[in-house]
Every structure is written in C-alpha cells, then in structure tokens.
C-alpha atoms as a PDB file:
ATOM      1  CA  UNK A   1     143.646  91.823  58.621  1.00  0.00           C
ATOM      2  CA  UNK A   2     147.228  92.002  59.774  1.00  0.00           C
ATOM      3  CA  UNK A   3     148.297  91.277  63.340  1.00  0.00           C
ATOM      4  CA  UNK A   4     148.939  94.950  64.065  1.00  0.00           C
ATOM      5  CA  UNK A   5     145.451  95.852  62.860  1.00  0.00           C
ATOM      6  CA  UNK A   6     143.849  93.104  64.945  1.00  0.00           C
ATOM      7  CA  UNK A   7     145.672  94.266  68.048  1.00  0.00           C
ATOM      8  CA  UNK A   8     143.838  97.595  67.799  1.00  0.00           C
ATOM      9  CA  UNK A   9     140.495  95.848  68.303  1.00  0.00           C
ATOM     10  CA  UNK A  10     139.361  94.680  71.702  1.00  0.00           C
ATOM     11  CA  UNK A  11     138.202  91.124  72.324  1.00  0.00           C
ATOM     12  CA  UNK A  12     134.573  92.219  72.470  1.00  0.00           C
ATOM     13  CA  UNK A  13     134.823  93.841  69.033  1.00  0.00           C
ATOM     14  CA  UNK A  14     136.534  90.760  67.603  1.00  0.00           C
ATOM     15  CA  UNK A  15     133.762  88.527  68.938  1.00  0.00           C
ATOM     16  CA  UNK A  16     131.149  90.866  67.494  1.00  0.00           C
ATOM     17  CA  UNK A  17     132.802  90.839  64.063  1.00  0.00           C
ATOM     18  CA  UNK A  18     133.009  87.054  64.036  1.00  0.00           C
ATOM     19  CA  UNK A  19     129.256  86.718  64.729  1.00  0.00           C
ATOM     20  CA  UNK A  20     128.290  88.809  61.717  1.00  0.00           C
ATOM     21  CA  UNK A  21     127.621  87.232  58.346  1.00  0.00           C
ATOM     22  CA  UNK A  22     127.096  88.857  54.943  1.00  0.00           C
ATOM     23  CA  UNK A  23     123.429  89.252  53.972  1.00  0.00           C
ATOM     24  CA  UNK A  24     121.826  90.494  50.776  1.00  0.00           C
ATOM     25  CA  UNK A  25     119.135  93.135  51.198  1.00  0.00           C
ATOM     26  CA  UNK A  26     117.031  95.429  49.017  1.00  0.00           C
ATOM     27  CA  UNK A  27     117.558  99.147  49.611  1.00  0.00           C
ATOM     28  CA  UNK A  28     116.376 102.443  48.174  1.00  0.00           C
ATOM     29  CA  UNK A  29     118.598 105.468  47.731  1.00  0.00           C
ATOM     30  CA  UNK A  30     117.835 108.257  50.196  1.00  0.00           C
ATOM     31  CA  UNK A  31     118.289 111.761  48.803  1.00  0.00           C
ATOM     32  CA  UNK A  32     117.906 115.073  50.651  1.00  0.00           C
ATOM     33  CA  UNK A  33     114.323 115.605  49.454  1.00  0.00           C
ATOM     34  CA  UNK A  34     113.025 112.107  48.709  1.00  0.00           C
ATOM     35  CA  UNK A  35     113.580 108.366  48.635  1.00  0.00           C
ATOM     36  CA  UNK A  36     113.988 106.772  45.222  1.00  0.00           C
ATOM     37  CA  UNK A  37     111.457 104.299  43.859  1.00  0.00           C
ATOM     38  CA  UNK A  38     114.077 101.964  42.415  1.00  0.00           C
ATOM     39  CA  UNK A  39     115.237  99.112  44.672  1.00  0.00           C
ATOM     40  CA  UNK A  40     118.920  98.175  44.645  1.00  0.00           C
ATOM     41  CA  UNK A  41     120.641  95.018  45.865  1.00  0.00           C
ATOM     42  CA  UNK A  42     123.166  95.573  48.644  1.00  0.00           C
ATOM     43  CA  UNK A  43     125.526  93.422  50.665  1.00  0.00           C
ATOM     44  CA  UNK A  44     125.626  94.099  54.425  1.00  0.00           C
ATOM     45  CA  UNK A  45     127.224  92.315  57.379  1.00  0.00           C
ATOM     46  CA  UNK A  46     124.468  91.554  59.893  1.00  0.00           C
ATOM     47  CA  UNK A  47     124.303  89.487  63.037  1.00  0.00           C
ATOM     48  CA  UNK A  48     121.366  87.195  63.760  1.00  0.00           C
ATOM     49  CA  UNK A  49     119.853  89.771  66.127  1.00  0.00           C
ATOM     50  CA  UNK A  50     119.949  92.541  63.489  1.00  0.00           C
ATOM     51  CA  UNK A  51     117.887  90.915  60.749  1.00  0.00           C
ATOM     52  CA  UNK A  52     115.275  93.701  60.770  1.00  0.00           C
ATOM     53  CA  UNK A  53     116.280  95.994  57.899  1.00  0.00           C
ATOM     54  CA  UNK A  54     113.029  97.749  56.978  1.00  0.00           C
ATOM     55  CA  UNK A  55     113.280 101.460  57.750  1.00  0.00           C
ATOM     56  CA  UNK A  56     116.950 101.249  58.797  1.00  0.00           C
ATOM     57  CA  UNK A  57     119.567 103.530  57.270  1.00  0.00           C
ATOM     58  CA  UNK A  58     122.664 102.117  55.611  1.00  0.00           C
ATOM     59  CA  UNK A  59     125.690 104.030  54.362  1.00  0.00           C
ATOM     60  CA  UNK A  60     128.102 103.326  51.530  1.00  0.00           C
ATOM     61  CA  UNK A  61     131.780 104.245  51.491  1.00  0.00           C
ATOM     62  CA  UNK A  62     131.026 107.633  49.912  1.00  0.00           C
ATOM     63  CA  UNK A  63     128.618 108.641  52.695  1.00  0.00           C
ATOM     64  CA  UNK A  64     125.414 108.270  50.696  1.00  0.00           C
ATOM     65  CA  UNK A  65     122.430 106.968  52.639  1.00  0.00           C
ATOM     66  CA  UNK A  66     120.138 104.087  51.707  1.00  0.00           C
ATOM     67  CA  UNK A  67     116.908 102.913  53.346  1.00  0.00           C
ATOM     68  CA  UNK A  68     116.478  99.180  53.888  1.00  0.00           C
ATOM     69  CA  UNK A  69     113.410  97.517  52.335  1.00  0.00           C
ATOM     70  CA  UNK A  70     113.671  93.748  52.722  1.00  0.00           C
ATOM     71  CA  UNK A  71     116.039  90.879  53.345  1.00  0.00           C
ATOM     72  CA  UNK A  72     116.630  88.660  50.295  1.00  0.00           C
ATOM     73  CA  UNK A  73     116.261  85.022  51.373  1.00  0.00           C
ATOM     74  CA  UNK A  74     117.941  83.058  48.561  1.00  0.00           C
ATOM     75  CA  UNK A  75     120.090  85.355  46.433  1.00  0.00           C
ATOM     76  CA  UNK A  76     121.493  84.098  43.155  1.00  0.00           C
ATOM     77  CA  UNK A  77     125.234  84.304  42.593  1.00  0.00           C
ATOM     78  CA  UNK A  78     124.765  86.354  39.437  1.00  0.00           C
ATOM     79  CA  UNK A  79     122.896  89.019  41.424  1.00  0.00           C
ATOM     80  CA  UNK A  80     125.643  89.242  44.043  1.00  0.00           C
ATOM     81  CA  UNK A  81     128.049  90.687  41.491  1.00  0.00           C
ATOM     82  CA  UNK A  82     125.818  93.764  41.150  1.00  0.00           C
ATOM     83  CA  UNK A  83     125.258  94.245  44.890  1.00  0.00           C
ATOM     84  CA  UNK A  84     126.833  97.325  46.444  1.00  0.00           C
ATOM     85  CA  UNK A  85     128.606  97.000  49.824  1.00  0.00           C
ATOM     86  CA  UNK A  86     126.918  98.965  52.614  1.00  0.00           C
ATOM     87  CA  UNK A  87     127.492  99.551  56.311  1.00  0.00           C
ATOM     88  CA  UNK A  88     124.768  99.574  58.939  1.00  0.00           C
ATOM     89  CA  UNK A  89     124.175 102.794  60.870  1.00  0.00           C
ATOM     90  CA  UNK A  90     122.336 103.125  64.165  1.00  0.00           C
ATOM     91  CA  UNK A  91     119.816 105.570  62.699  1.00  0.00           C
ATOM     92  CA  UNK A  92     116.374 104.842  61.340  1.00  0.00           C
ATOM     93  CA  UNK A  93     114.509 106.670  58.600  1.00  0.00           C
ATOM     94  CA  UNK A  94     112.042 108.126  61.102  1.00  0.00           C
ATOM     95  CA  UNK A  95     114.841 109.682  63.187  1.00  0.00           C
ATOM     96  CA  UNK A  96     116.385 111.237  60.049  1.00  0.00           C
ATOM     97  CA  UNK A  97     113.023 112.626  58.956  1.00  0.00           C
ATOM     98  CA  UNK A  98     112.327 113.937  62.452  1.00  0.00           C
ATOM     99  CA  UNK A  99     115.639 115.822  62.387  1.00  0.00           C
ATOM    100  CA  UNK A 100     114.836 117.301  58.963  1.00  0.00           C
ATOM    101  CA  UNK A 101     111.305 118.268  59.978  1.00  0.00           C
ATOM    102  CA  UNK A 102     112.581 120.013  63.107  1.00  0.00           C
ATOM    103  CA  UNK A 103     114.733 122.292  60.928  1.00  0.00           C
ATOM    104  CA  UNK A 104     111.674 123.231  58.869  1.00  0.00           C
ATOM    105  CA  UNK A 105     109.573 123.823  62.008  1.00  0.00           C
ATOM    106  CA  UNK A 106     112.191 126.172  63.439  1.00  0.00           C
ATOM    107  CA  UNK A 107     112.357 128.097  60.168  1.00  0.00           C
ATOM    108  CA  UNK A 108     108.558 128.467  60.072  1.00  0.00           C
ATOM    109  CA  UNK A 109     108.451 129.633  63.694  1.00  0.00           C
ATOM    110  CA  UNK A 110     111.163 132.188  62.980  1.00  0.00           C
ATOM    111  CA  UNK A 111     109.306 133.534  59.935  1.00  0.00           C
ATOM    112  CA  UNK A 112     106.061 133.662  61.929  1.00  0.00           C
ATOM    113  CA  UNK A 113     107.758 135.698  64.693  1.00  0.00           C
ATOM    114  CA  UNK A 114     109.227 138.165  62.179  1.00  0.00           C
ATOM    115  CA  UNK A 115     105.898 138.470  60.358  1.00  0.00           C
ATOM    116  CA  UNK A 116     103.941 139.355  63.498  1.00  0.00           C
ATOM    117  CA  UNK A 117     106.742 141.612  64.786  1.00  0.00           C
ATOM    118  CA  UNK A 118     106.458 143.935  61.777  1.00  0.00           C
END
C-alpha cells in the first residue's frame, strides 16, 4: 500500500491487519436455493482467534457467497494456485437461512390471511 492509502487507516486497523495471516480453507458455493456439494479451495486472511470457519460465510470480489467447511492444515503449493481469494463476513449460514425463512413465513401468513378473508 502507498503512504496515502495507509494514512486512511487508523492504528487499530493497521494492527489488526498485521495480525492476520493467509489460511487455506475448504468452502462450498452458496446459491439462493441451495449449497453446492463440491468443495473448493479458498485463500482467506484470518487471525488466530478466527480459526473457526465451519458454517461461516465468505464473499468473493464479485459478491458471491461461500460457506466454510474446514481449515486445511498443510496445503501443497500446487493447490494454492487454484485457490480463490475470499473475504470473511460477519454472518453465519444460520443467520442467512433465518433471514430467508422469515421471508417465506411472512408470505405464507399473508396468503393465509387472504384465504380466510375471502
């Protein structure tokens, strides 16, 4: 990063960035209706306190979501070339599903009210 870019970050953010290290994890693609069966290698910056990846949501640069499966302990260098870079989000899979289920519940309640009203 350039000096001007670093000046935009506070000291706390700089310390947080320096504590993170790149880790290789297995993820599954998360679509609107389902989670894929195929596991994909991904490269994520994680701190030592954030090593739990199972059930966590990760995002790529295009905004697509991935669900974390496992942390790869000893990755081979040949596998790292195929790994996709991801960013950690604060959401979990259960919170995403809860949000989606609430939309369906509201739709069912609305249809039930209209059905009994007529």
